[in-house]
Amino acid sequence: MAQQEVEHSLPQGIGRPATNALLLAGFTHLEQFTTVSEKDLLKLHGVGPKAIRILREALHEKRLSFSEDAQ
């Protein structure tokens, strides 16, 4: 049984395990990360500090941030 490809706009550098974990959790677009904290994302198996750093940088480029940074 072939795995179906999910269309997403996540940064490519975060790696396959992190991408799979994020997609499984329902994250497909960068803007969705403004509703969640880094701490909560790190609880997902496969998401580590490198993925968080890359996501943070991508959010910063769009003048966005994780939820705990928005205050």
Protein backbone atom coordinates (compact mmCIF):
# COMPACT_ATOMS: atom_id res chain seq x y z
CA MET A 1 0.00 0.00 0.00
CA ALA A 2 1.55 3.31 -1.11
CA GLN A 3 1.58 6.26 1.28
CA GLN A 4 -0.40 9.22 -0.05
CA GLU A 5 1.53 12.45 -0.52
CA VAL A 6 0.09 15.39 1.44
CA GLU A 7 0.42 18.84 -0.09
CA HIS A 8 2.16 21.20 2.35
CA SER A 9 4.28 24.32 2.55
CA LEU A 10 6.57 23.29 5.42
CA PRO A 11 10.27 24.20 5.13
CA GLN A 12 12.24 21.42 3.44
CA GLY A 13 15.23 21.53 5.77
CA ILE A 14 13.38 20.22 8.82
CA GLY A 15 13.84 16.61 7.76
CA ARG A 16 11.51 13.74 7.00
CA PRO A 17 10.77 12.54 10.58
CA ALA A 18 9.76 16.05 11.68
CA THR A 19 7.78 16.69 8.50
CA ASN A 20 5.89 13.42 8.93
CA ALA A 21 5.15 14.17 12.60
CA LEU A 22 3.91 17.67 11.79
CA LEU A 23 1.74 16.48 8.91
CA LEU A 24 0.27 13.75 11.09
CA ALA A 25 -0.57 16.41 13.68
CA GLY A 26 -2.37 18.41 10.98
CA PHE A 27 0.22 21.10 10.26
CA THR A 28 0.44 21.75 6.53
CA HIS A 29 1.13 25.49 6.32
CA LEU A 30 3.61 27.72 8.13
CA GLU A 31 0.90 30.10 9.36
CA GLN A 32 -0.62 27.31 11.50
CA PHE A 33 2.39 27.42 13.83
CA THR A 34 1.28 30.79 15.21
CA THR A 35 -1.33 28.90 17.25
CA VAL A 36 1.09 26.50 18.97
CA SER A 37 4.13 26.80 21.22
CA GLU A 38 7.60 25.43 20.58
CA LYS A 39 7.24 23.39 23.78
CA ASP A 40 4.11 21.66 22.45
CA LEU A 41 5.75 20.92 19.09
CA LEU A 42 8.75 19.35 20.81
CA LYS A 43 6.36 16.80 22.36
CA LEU A 44 5.76 15.34 18.89
CA HIS A 45 7.93 12.30 18.20
CA GLY A 46 10.34 13.26 15.42
CA VAL A 47 10.33 17.00 16.07
CA GLY A 48 13.56 18.23 17.62
CA PRO A 49 15.52 21.43 18.18
CA LYS A 50 16.71 21.59 14.56
CA ALA A 51 13.15 21.49 13.21
CA ILE A 52 12.05 24.14 15.71
CA ARG A 53 14.95 26.41 14.73
CA ILE A 54 14.14 26.10 11.03
CA LEU A 55 10.44 26.73 11.65
CA ARG A 56 11.27 29.74 13.86
CA GLU A 57 13.48 31.22 11.13
CA ALA A 58 10.81 30.64 8.46
CA LEU A 59 8.17 32.25 10.67
CA HIS A 60 10.46 35.21 11.37
CA GLU A 61 10.92 35.79 7.63
CA LYS A 62 7.13 36.22 7.36
CA ARG A 63 7.03 38.38 10.52
CA LEU A 64 5.22 35.61 12.40
CA SER A 65 6.06 33.70 15.58
CA PHE A 66 5.05 30.72 17.68
CA SER A 67 2.16 31.37 20.09
CA GLU A 68 4.26 32.00 23.22
CA ASP A 69 6.39 34.56 21.32
CA ALA A 70 3.39 36.65 20.20
CA GLN A 71 2.74 38.33 23.57
